[in-house]
């Protein structure tokens, strides 16, 4: 479970944040100031920090919050920090973000805004963690993929050609195939590589906050707009804007997105001044947009703006030649993480990996290798250390249809969620990603089926 550290000298503020975030299933720790927070960081594994900017020194400068951010940088911390202050200003927010803060919220906050920002940053952190573990499928800092299979080499050649243009790119593929990585890879090989790369999980933005998040807002433009706020289009100016989970946009929001993509113009919420957006758009989805268009759930004209070039990442089961090198690379990554640097995969383990169908793709492979590194009794990982219980894609079970019980869809869904939760040791996010569900969707289904997470964790 993700742990959120709330740092504020007012107990009622800490309590308010804790209550709001507990509704998301998050565990909150509280600190009354930076000194207390630094002590907690020594003993607790913190996923995200909510940081007030002012304490004993004064109530407006934000100097104490900025000093704490500098201390985190000196410690080499990679924990995302969202700053919060009742005296928010663009200057303080910019200084905080220059020191590594990922976002800010104004006090008193809107709970919807707070939870949306926290959810987005946690998901981004998890994505960054997965990409770091995978090296985002790379073998060096220049993002040269581990791609031995012919199908991936052809894809990367196509991606590199597309990267040299400003054409909009749509990346498709199943969950866990590395769509966000490919987007970053394209940016690194583009003419905009020296500019900002801004990633936005569209599915994590509440519809009521969409315009504010993407285009920014002016102070007073709505009830909780305490200060001016920059939107993602302005932040990415001159660079690349990656729109993940683009298929989750509502039709109303699709029309607003279409307008800015067609005209490259937008208005900050609460302002009548038209601004231009010089950004390169890359988007991604695991959905069948053609089907969504037929069902009137996605605009055809928006798709035309997004997919000037479409890149499809094949599932891992179609990239057999990549499985062994990826597994070896992941073994090095996770072995280093858990201080087991001399581990190796046996021949039977490699054979089992190649014969498995990998419905969760590279993300599942990463979790599989990580689990084996943790649980293996010796440094030579065997096939039974991998816990691969799905029938091999190369050895199909002729009785598969008979083995699948005929159940009502509700009951079948419940059983699949239970099995996924068990497979990922109670990790709701990993189970949801494996099943192709967003964080909010998996929690809704857990609640619907009244599943006890504590029982799963046991």
Protein backbone atom coordinates (compact mmCIF):
# COMPACT_ATOMS: atom_id res chain seq x y z
CA UNK A 1 0.00 0.00 0.00
CA UNK A 2 1.30 3.46 -0.90
CA UNK A 3 2.28 5.64 2.06
CA UNK A 4 1.74 9.40 1.86
CA UNK A 5 3.69 11.70 4.18
CA UNK A 6 1.71 14.83 5.05
CA UNK A 7 3.94 17.62 6.42
CA UNK A 8 2.12 20.56 7.99
CA UNK A 9 2.32 22.35 11.33
CA UNK A 10 -1.48 22.43 11.66
CA UNK A 11 -3.01 19.20 12.96
CA UNK A 12 -6.41 19.91 11.40
CA UNK A 13 -4.84 20.33 7.95
CA UNK A 14 -2.97 17.04 8.32
CA UNK A 15 -6.17 15.33 9.41
CA UNK A 16 -8.15 16.76 6.49
CA UNK A 17 -5.58 15.49 3.98
CA UNK A 18 -5.42 12.10 5.70
CA UNK A 19 -9.20 11.65 5.63
CA UNK A 20 -9.40 12.61 1.94
CA UNK A 21 -6.57 10.29 0.89
CA UNK A 22 -7.72 7.35 2.98
CA UNK A 23 -10.80 7.25 0.75
CA UNK A 24 -8.41 6.16 -2.02
CA UNK A 25 -7.08 3.31 0.10
CA UNK A 26 -3.86 5.19 0.87
CA UNK A 27 -2.04 5.11 4.20
CA UNK A 28 -1.00 8.51 5.56
CA UNK A 29 1.78 9.42 7.96
CA UNK A 30 1.87 12.88 9.52
CA UNK A 31 4.78 15.17 10.38
CA UNK A 32 4.48 18.57 12.06
CA UNK A 33 7.53 19.97 10.30
CA UNK A 34 10.53 19.24 8.04
CA UNK A 35 12.72 17.99 10.92
CA UNK A 36 10.15 15.41 11.97
CA UNK A 37 9.66 14.45 8.32
CA UNK A 38 13.36 13.77 7.80
CA UNK A 39 13.32 11.40 10.77
CA UNK A 40 10.33 9.51 9.35
CA UNK A 41 12.01 9.22 5.97
CA UNK A 42 14.84 7.28 7.61
CA UNK A 43 12.52 4.51 8.78
CA UNK A 44 9.50 4.57 6.45
CA UNK A 45 9.12 3.77 2.76
CA UNK A 46 7.25 6.85 1.53
CA UNK A 47 5.55 6.92 -1.89
CA UNK A 48 4.67 10.63 -2.02
CA UNK A 49 5.03 13.77 0.12
CA UNK A 50 2.48 16.53 0.65
CA UNK A 51 4.54 19.51 1.82
CA UNK A 52 3.39 22.74 3.41
CA UNK A 53 5.74 25.59 2.50
CA UNK A 54 5.67 27.70 5.70
CA UNK A 55 6.32 26.90 9.37
CA UNK A 56 8.13 28.85 12.13
CA UNK A 57 10.00 31.42 10.06
CA UNK A 58 6.99 33.21 8.53
CA UNK A 59 3.72 32.53 6.75
CA UNK A 60 4.40 33.78 3.25
CA UNK A 61 7.94 33.27 1.94
CA UNK A 62 7.98 29.49 1.53
CA UNK A 63 11.66 29.46 2.51
CA UNK A 64 11.31 26.55 4.93
CA UNK A 65 9.59 24.41 2.32
CA UNK A 66 12.23 25.29 -0.26
CA UNK A 67 14.97 24.40 2.23
CA UNK A 68 13.35 21.00 2.79
CA UNK A 69 13.26 20.38 -0.98
CA UNK A 70 16.98 21.20 -1.15
CA UNK A 71 17.63 18.72 1.66
CA UNK A 72 15.73 16.02 -0.23
CA UNK A 73 17.85 16.72 -3.29
CA UNK A 74 21.04 16.41 -1.23
CA UNK A 75 19.80 13.03 0.04
CA UNK A 76 19.21 11.90 -3.54
CA UNK A 77 15.49 11.37 -2.88
CA UNK A 78 13.25 10.48 -5.81
CA UNK A 79 10.01 10.73 -3.83
CA UNK A 80 7.52 12.97 -5.67
CA UNK A 81 6.60 16.10 -3.67
CA UNK A 82 3.36 18.04 -4.02
CA UNK A 83 3.61 21.41 -2.29
CA UNK A 84 0.64 23.05 -0.59
CA UNK A 85 0.27 26.51 0.84
CA UNK A 86 -2.41 29.01 1.72
CA UNK A 87 -0.15 31.72 0.26
CA UNK A 88 0.47 30.14 -3.12
CA UNK A 89 2.05 32.27 -5.79
CA UNK A 90 3.49 31.53 -9.17
CA UNK A 91 6.95 32.58 -7.95
CA UNK A 92 6.96 30.17 -5.00
CA UNK A 93 5.44 27.38 -7.07
CA UNK A 94 8.03 27.84 -9.82
CA UNK A 95 10.88 27.83 -7.27
CA UNK A 96 9.48 24.67 -5.68
CA UNK A 97 9.16 22.91 -9.03
CA UNK A 98 12.66 24.00 -10.01
CA UNK A 99 13.83 22.20 -6.88
CA UNK A 100 11.97 19.04 -7.85
CA UNK A 101 8.36 19.44 -6.69
CA UNK A 102 6.00 17.79 -9.16
CA UNK A 103 2.86 19.88 -8.56
CA UNK A 104 1.12 22.14 -6.06
CA UNK A 105 -2.32 22.59 -4.47
CA UNK A 106 -3.73 25.66 -2.79
CA UNK A 107 -5.17 25.61 0.73
CA UNK A 108 -8.00 25.29 1.44
CA UNK A 109 -8.05 22.69 -1.31
CA UNK A 110 -10.83 21.05 -3.22
CA UNK A 111 -10.74 17.33 -2.30
CA UNK A 112 -11.39 16.37 -5.90
CA UNK A 113 -8.37 18.38 -7.02
CA UNK A 114 -6.17 17.00 -4.22
CA UNK A 115 -7.03 13.36 -4.84
CA UNK A 116 -6.72 13.75 -8.63
CA UNK A 117 -3.21 15.22 -8.32
CA UNK A 118 -2.11 12.56 -5.84
CA UNK A 119 -3.51 9.72 -7.97
CA UNK A 120 -1.86 11.07 -11.10
CA UNK A 121 1.54 11.39 -9.42
CA UNK A 122 1.33 7.93 -7.84
CA UNK A 123 0.48 6.40 -11.19
CA UNK A 124 3.30 8.33 -12.84
CA UNK A 125 5.67 7.19 -10.08
CA UNK A 126 4.65 3.57 -10.64
CA UNK A 127 5.11 3.98 -14.36
CA UNK A 128 8.54 5.52 -13.82
CA UNK A 129 9.41 2.69 -11.45
CA UNK A 130 8.38 0.08 -14.02
CA UNK A 131 10.31 1.89 -16.73
CA UNK A 132 13.36 2.19 -14.51
CA UNK A 133 13.21 -1.52 -13.72
CA UNK A 134 12.87 -2.28 -17.41
CA UNK A 135 15.23 0.53 -18.32
CA UNK A 136 12.14 1.30 -20.29
CA UNK A 137 13.21 -1.68 -22.39
CA UNK A 138 16.59 -0.08 -22.90
CA UNK A 139 20.21 -1.06 -22.59
CA UNK A 140 21.76 2.38 -22.15
CA UNK A 141 20.99 5.97 -21.21
CA UNK A 142 20.19 6.88 -24.82
CA UNK A 143 17.13 4.63 -24.71
CA UNK A 144 18.31 2.03 -27.21
CA UNK A 145 15.74 -0.67 -26.70
CA UNK A 146 16.54 -4.26 -25.94
CA UNK A 147 14.98 -5.40 -29.18
CA UNK A 148 16.40 -8.56 -30.70
CA UNK A 149 13.22 -9.59 -32.47
CA UNK A 150 12.76 -8.54 -36.07
CA UNK A 151 9.29 -7.12 -35.40
CA UNK A 152 10.64 -4.74 -32.72
CA UNK A 153 13.64 -3.69 -34.78
CA UNK A 154 11.27 -2.71 -37.58
CA UNK A 155 9.09 -0.80 -35.10
CA UNK A 156 12.04 1.14 -33.70
CA UNK A 157 13.25 2.02 -37.18
CA UNK A 158 9.79 3.37 -37.95
CA UNK A 159 9.70 5.26 -34.65
CA UNK A 160 13.06 6.89 -35.30
CA UNK A 161 11.93 8.06 -38.74
CA UNK A 162 8.73 9.46 -37.27
CA UNK A 163 10.66 11.14 -34.45
CA UNK A 164 12.44 13.44 -36.90
CA UNK A 165 9.13 15.02 -37.89
CA UNK A 166 6.53 16.95 -35.90
CA UNK A 167 3.73 14.61 -36.95
CA UNK A 168 1.28 13.51 -34.27
CA UNK A 169 1.85 9.91 -33.23
CA UNK A 170 -0.60 7.42 -31.74
CA UNK A 171 0.94 4.47 -29.92
CA UNK A 172 -1.25 1.40 -29.46
CA UNK A 173 -0.71 -1.89 -27.70
CA UNK A 174 -1.78 -4.02 -24.80
CA UNK A 175 -1.20 -3.06 -21.18
CA UNK A 176 2.40 -3.49 -20.11
CA UNK A 177 4.00 -3.37 -23.54
CA UNK A 178 5.84 -0.10 -22.89
CA UNK A 179 3.83 2.59 -24.67
CA UNK A 180 4.99 5.40 -22.36
CA UNK A 181 8.56 4.30 -22.89
CA UNK A 182 8.23 4.43 -26.66
CA UNK A 183 6.80 7.95 -26.38
CA UNK A 184 9.85 9.05 -24.40
CA UNK A 185 12.12 7.24 -26.85
CA UNK A 186 10.56 9.22 -29.73
CA UNK A 187 11.07 12.49 -27.85
CA UNK A 188 14.73 11.63 -27.21
CA UNK A 189 15.25 11.07 -30.93
CA UNK A 190 13.28 14.13 -32.04
CA UNK A 191 14.37 17.64 -32.93
CA UNK A 192 12.74 18.72 -29.67
CA UNK A 193 14.89 16.50 -27.45
CA UNK A 194 16.45 19.51 -25.73
CA UNK A 195 13.00 20.78 -24.72
CA UNK A 196 10.60 19.52 -22.09
CA UNK A 197 8.86 16.15 -22.23
CA UNK A 198 5.56 16.37 -20.31
CA UNK A 199 3.54 13.24 -19.63
CA UNK A 200 -0.17 13.44 -18.74
CA UNK A 201 -2.32 10.50 -17.70
CA UNK A 202 -5.58 11.67 -19.24
CA UNK A 203 -7.54 8.99 -17.43
CA UNK A 204 -6.47 10.34 -14.04
CA UNK A 205 -7.77 13.88 -14.64
CA UNK A 206 -11.25 14.56 -13.27
CA UNK A 207 -13.49 15.96 -16.07
CA UNK A 208 -14.16 19.13 -14.05
CA UNK A 209 -10.43 19.82 -13.85
CA UNK A 210 -9.53 18.96 -17.44
CA UNK A 211 -9.32 22.51 -18.80
CA UNK A 212 -7.42 23.74 -15.75
CA UNK A 213 -4.89 20.89 -15.95
CA UNK A 214 -4.31 21.08 -19.69
CA UNK A 215 -4.70 24.81 -20.37
CA UNK A 216 -4.21 26.43 -16.95
CA UNK A 217 -6.44 28.89 -15.12
CA UNK A 218 -6.49 32.44 -13.82
CA UNK A 219 -7.00 33.35 -10.19
CA UNK A 220 -10.72 33.59 -9.44
CA UNK A 221 -11.81 31.75 -12.59
CA UNK A 222 -13.67 29.27 -10.38
CA UNK A 223 -14.29 28.80 -6.65
CA UNK A 224 -11.01 27.11 -5.75
CA UNK A 225 -8.78 29.02 -8.17
CA UNK A 226 -6.79 30.88 -5.52
CA UNK A 227 -3.87 31.68 -7.81
CA UNK A 228 -2.86 31.55 -11.47
CA UNK A 229 -1.88 28.08 -12.66
CA UNK A 230 0.10 26.98 -15.71
CA UNK A 231 -1.41 24.23 -17.88
CA UNK A 232 0.43 21.27 -19.36
CA UNK A 233 0.40 22.78 -22.85
CA UNK A 234 2.27 25.85 -21.63
CA UNK A 235 4.69 23.79 -19.55
CA UNK A 236 5.51 21.65 -22.61
CA UNK A 237 5.96 24.67 -24.90
CA UNK A 238 8.49 23.84 -27.61
CA UNK A 239 8.70 20.23 -26.47
CA UNK A 240 6.59 17.08 -26.43
CA UNK A 241 3.25 16.47 -24.71
CA UNK A 242 2.43 12.80 -24.13
CA UNK A 243 -1.28 12.06 -23.59
CA UNK A 244 -1.60 8.59 -22.08
CA UNK A 245 -4.92 6.70 -21.98
CA UNK A 246 -6.39 9.08 -24.56
CA UNK A 247 -9.42 6.82 -25.10
CA UNK A 248 -10.74 7.69 -21.62
CA UNK A 249 -11.62 11.26 -22.68
CA UNK A 250 -15.33 12.03 -22.62
CA UNK A 251 -16.92 13.26 -25.84
CA UNK A 252 -17.23 16.79 -24.44
CA UNK A 253 -13.54 16.88 -23.59
CA UNK A 254 -12.65 15.32 -26.94
CA UNK A 255 -14.13 18.35 -28.71
CA UNK A 256 -12.00 20.70 -26.60
CA UNK A 257 -8.89 18.66 -27.32
CA UNK A 258 -9.72 18.62 -31.03
CA UNK A 259 -9.91 22.40 -31.15
CA UNK A 260 -6.42 22.93 -29.76
CA UNK A 261 -4.95 20.22 -31.99
CA UNK A 262 -6.55 21.74 -35.11
CA UNK A 263 -5.84 25.41 -34.45
CA UNK A 264 -2.92 25.10 -31.99
CA UNK A 265 -4.76 27.77 -30.00
CA UNK A 266 -6.35 27.72 -26.55
CA UNK A 267 -7.51 30.05 -23.80
CA UNK A 268 -6.45 29.82 -20.19
CA UNK A 269 -9.54 29.25 -18.05
CA UNK A 270 -10.77 32.66 -16.89
CA UNK A 271 -8.89 34.58 -19.60
CA UNK A 272 -10.07 35.88 -22.97
CA UNK A 273 -6.54 36.02 -24.38
CA UNK A 274 -5.80 33.35 -27.00
CA UNK A 275 -2.48 31.54 -26.67
CA UNK A 276 -0.69 29.26 -29.12
CA UNK A 277 0.61 25.78 -28.38
CA UNK A 278 3.88 24.82 -30.03
CA UNK A 279 4.01 21.23 -28.82
CA UNK A 280 4.46 17.85 -30.45
CA UNK A 281 1.59 15.51 -29.50
CA UNK A 282 2.13 11.83 -28.81
CA UNK A 283 -0.80 9.83 -27.46
CA UNK A 284 -1.33 6.23 -26.41
CA UNK A 285 -4.14 3.79 -25.75
CA UNK A 286 -4.76 0.10 -25.20
CA UNK A 287 -8.33 0.46 -26.53
CA UNK A 288 -9.65 -0.28 -30.01
CA UNK A 289 -10.45 3.24 -31.14
CA UNK A 290 -12.12 1.99 -34.33
CA UNK A 291 -14.64 0.12 -32.19
CA UNK A 292 -15.09 3.17 -29.95
CA UNK A 293 -15.84 5.27 -33.04
CA UNK A 294 -18.44 2.77 -34.25
CA UNK A 295 -20.07 2.92 -30.82
CA UNK A 296 -20.00 6.76 -30.91
CA UNK A 297 -17.63 6.86 -27.93
CA UNK A 298 -14.70 8.48 -29.75
CA UNK A 299 -14.59 11.18 -32.42
CA UNK A 300 -13.30 10.11 -35.82
CA UNK A 301 -11.96 13.60 -36.54
CA UNK A 302 -9.97 13.56 -33.29
CA UNK A 303 -8.44 10.22 -34.23
CA UNK A 304 -7.34 11.71 -37.56
CA UNK A 305 -5.53 14.46 -35.62
CA UNK A 306 -3.85 11.98 -33.31
CA UNK A 307 -2.76 9.20 -35.65
CA UNK A 308 -0.90 10.89 -38.49
CA UNK A 309 1.51 8.07 -37.72
CA UNK A 310 0.37 5.03 -35.76
CA UNK A 311 2.85 2.74 -34.04
CA UNK A 312 1.64 -0.57 -32.65
CA UNK A 313 3.75 -2.29 -30.01
CA UNK A 314 3.35 -6.07 -30.33
CA UNK A 315 2.65 -8.15 -27.22
CA UNK A 316 5.56 -9.99 -25.66
CA UNK A 317 4.18 -13.36 -26.81
CA UNK A 318 4.88 -12.23 -30.39
CA UNK A 319 8.45 -11.23 -29.54
CA UNK A 320 9.98 -14.53 -28.43
CA UNK A 321 13.52 -13.43 -29.26
CA UNK A 322 13.24 -10.54 -26.78
CA UNK A 323 12.14 -12.59 -23.76
CA UNK A 324 15.55 -13.97 -22.73
CA UNK A 325 17.54 -10.70 -23.07
CA UNK A 326 14.78 -8.77 -21.30
CA UNK A 327 14.67 -11.34 -18.50
CA UNK A 328 18.45 -11.24 -18.10
CA UNK A 329 18.36 -7.45 -17.97
CA UNK A 330 15.55 -7.41 -15.43
CA UNK A 331 17.45 -9.94 -13.33
CA UNK A 332 20.37 -7.50 -13.13
CA UNK A 333 18.05 -4.62 -12.21
CA UNK A 334 16.14 -6.46 -9.49
CA UNK A 335 19.23 -8.31 -8.27
CA UNK A 336 20.90 -4.97 -7.65
CA UNK A 337 17.76 -3.60 -5.98
CA UNK A 338 17.58 -6.49 -3.50
CA UNK A 339 21.35 -6.94 -3.02
CA UNK A 340 21.44 -10.26 -4.89
CA UNK A 341 23.80 -9.30 -7.67
CA UNK A 342 25.10 -12.77 -8.62
CA UNK A 343 21.84 -14.40 -9.68
CA UNK A 344 21.34 -16.29 -12.93
CA UNK A 345 18.49 -17.92 -14.83
CA UNK A 346 18.79 -21.67 -15.38
CA UNK A 347 18.13 -23.21 -18.78
CA UNK A 348 14.80 -24.63 -17.62
CA UNK A 349 13.79 -21.19 -16.28
CA UNK A 350 14.59 -19.55 -19.62
CA UNK A 351 12.62 -22.25 -21.43
CA UNK A 352 9.64 -21.69 -19.13
CA UNK A 353 9.80 -17.94 -19.73
CA UNK A 354 9.83 -18.42 -23.51
CA UNK A 355 6.91 -20.86 -23.40
CA UNK A 356 4.69 -18.62 -21.27
CA UNK A 357 2.15 -16.41 -23.06
CA UNK A 358 2.70 -13.23 -20.93
CA UNK A 359 -0.80 -11.74 -20.86
CA UNK A 360 0.60 -8.89 -18.74
CA UNK A 361 3.50 -8.40 -21.17
CA UNK A 362 6.76 -6.82 -20.02
CA UNK A 363 5.26 -5.42 -16.83
CA UNK A 364 4.28 -8.96 -15.83
CA UNK A 365 7.75 -10.24 -16.77
CA UNK A 366 9.26 -7.61 -14.50
CA UNK A 367 7.02 -8.60 -11.59
CA UNK A 368 7.80 -12.28 -12.25
CA UNK A 369 11.58 -11.78 -12.18
CA UNK A 370 11.34 -9.47 -9.15
CA UNK A 371 9.34 -12.08 -7.24
CA UNK A 372 11.84 -14.82 -8.17
CA UNK A 373 14.77 -12.68 -7.01
CA UNK A 374 13.07 -12.18 -3.64
CA UNK A 375 11.84 -15.72 -3.08
CA UNK A 376 14.52 -17.95 -4.67
CA UNK A 377 16.53 -19.97 -2.15
CA UNK A 378 19.72 -19.81 -4.20
CA UNK A 379 21.33 -17.69 -6.87
CA UNK A 380 20.39 -20.00 -9.75
CA UNK A 381 16.71 -19.38 -10.48
CA UNK A 382 14.79 -22.50 -11.50
CA UNK A 383 11.54 -22.77 -13.44
CA UNK A 384 9.51 -23.47 -10.30
CA UNK A 385 10.82 -20.21 -8.77
CA UNK A 386 8.95 -18.28 -11.48
CA UNK A 387 5.44 -19.41 -10.44
CA UNK A 388 4.08 -19.51 -13.98
CA UNK A 389 0.78 -21.36 -13.75
CA UNK A 390 -0.87 -20.30 -17.00
CA UNK A 391 -0.91 -22.91 -19.80
CA UNK A 392 1.96 -22.38 -22.25
CA UNK A 393 1.13 -20.52 -25.44
CA UNK A 394 3.25 -23.10 -27.31
CA UNK A 395 1.57 -26.05 -25.60
CA UNK A 396 -2.14 -25.24 -25.82
CA UNK A 397 -4.47 -27.19 -23.59
CA UNK A 398 -6.93 -29.09 -25.77
CA UNK A 399 -9.34 -29.20 -22.84
CA UNK A 400 -9.18 -25.44 -22.21
CA UNK A 401 -12.81 -24.91 -23.15
CA UNK A 402 -13.95 -27.70 -20.87
CA UNK A 403 -11.72 -26.41 -18.04
CA UNK A 404 -13.37 -22.97 -18.13
CA UNK A 405 -16.51 -23.18 -15.99
CA UNK A 406 -19.76 -21.76 -17.28
CA UNK A 407 -20.53 -18.97 -14.80
CA UNK A 408 -22.51 -15.73 -14.77
CA UNK A 409 -20.31 -12.84 -15.89
CA UNK A 410 -20.52 -11.21 -12.45
CA UNK A 411 -19.17 -14.32 -10.73
CA UNK A 412 -16.51 -14.86 -13.38
CA UNK A 413 -15.35 -11.27 -13.00
CA UNK A 414 -15.15 -11.70 -9.24
CA UNK A 415 -13.06 -14.85 -9.53
CA UNK A 416 -10.69 -13.27 -12.04
CA UNK A 417 -10.12 -10.27 -9.79
CA UNK A 418 -9.50 -12.57 -6.81
CA UNK A 419 -7.01 -14.61 -8.83
CA UNK A 420 -5.19 -11.49 -10.05
CA UNK A 421 -4.96 -10.11 -6.51
CA UNK A 422 -3.51 -13.40 -5.30
CA UNK A 423 -1.08 -13.51 -8.22
CA UNK A 424 0.24 -10.05 -7.32
CA UNK A 425 0.22 -10.58 -3.55
CA UNK A 426 -2.57 -8.10 -2.89
CA UNK A 427 -1.07 -5.33 -5.06
CA UNK A 428 -4.27 -3.74 -6.35
CA UNK A 429 -2.58 -1.52 -8.95
CA UNK A 430 -0.57 -4.39 -10.47
CA UNK A 431 -3.67 -6.63 -10.51
CA UNK A 432 -5.69 -3.90 -12.22
CA UNK A 433 -3.03 -3.28 -14.85
CA UNK A 434 -2.82 -7.02 -15.53
CA UNK A 435 -6.60 -7.15 -16.05
CA UNK A 436 -6.59 -4.00 -18.17
CA UNK A 437 -8.36 -1.91 -15.52
CA UNK A 438 -7.50 1.57 -14.30
CA UNK A 439 -6.89 2.19 -10.61
CA UNK A 440 -10.37 3.60 -10.07
CA UNK A 441 -11.98 0.76 -12.06
CA UNK A 442 -10.30 -2.04 -10.09
CA UNK A 443 -11.22 -0.41 -6.77
CA UNK A 444 -14.83 -0.03 -7.92
CA UNK A 445 -15.01 -3.72 -8.76
CA UNK A 446 -13.38 -4.72 -5.47
CA UNK A 447 -16.04 -2.69 -3.69
CA UNK A 448 -18.83 -4.10 -5.88
CA UNK A 449 -17.83 -7.69 -5.14
CA UNK A 450 -17.08 -6.86 -1.47
CA UNK A 451 -13.61 -8.41 -1.66
CA UNK A 452 -11.51 -8.30 1.50
CA UNK A 453 -8.01 -7.07 0.62
CA UNK A 454 -6.70 -8.10 4.04
CA UNK A 455 -7.67 -11.67 3.31
CA UNK A 456 -5.87 -11.53 -0.05
CA UNK A 457 -2.72 -10.10 1.55
CA UNK A 458 -2.58 -13.04 3.93
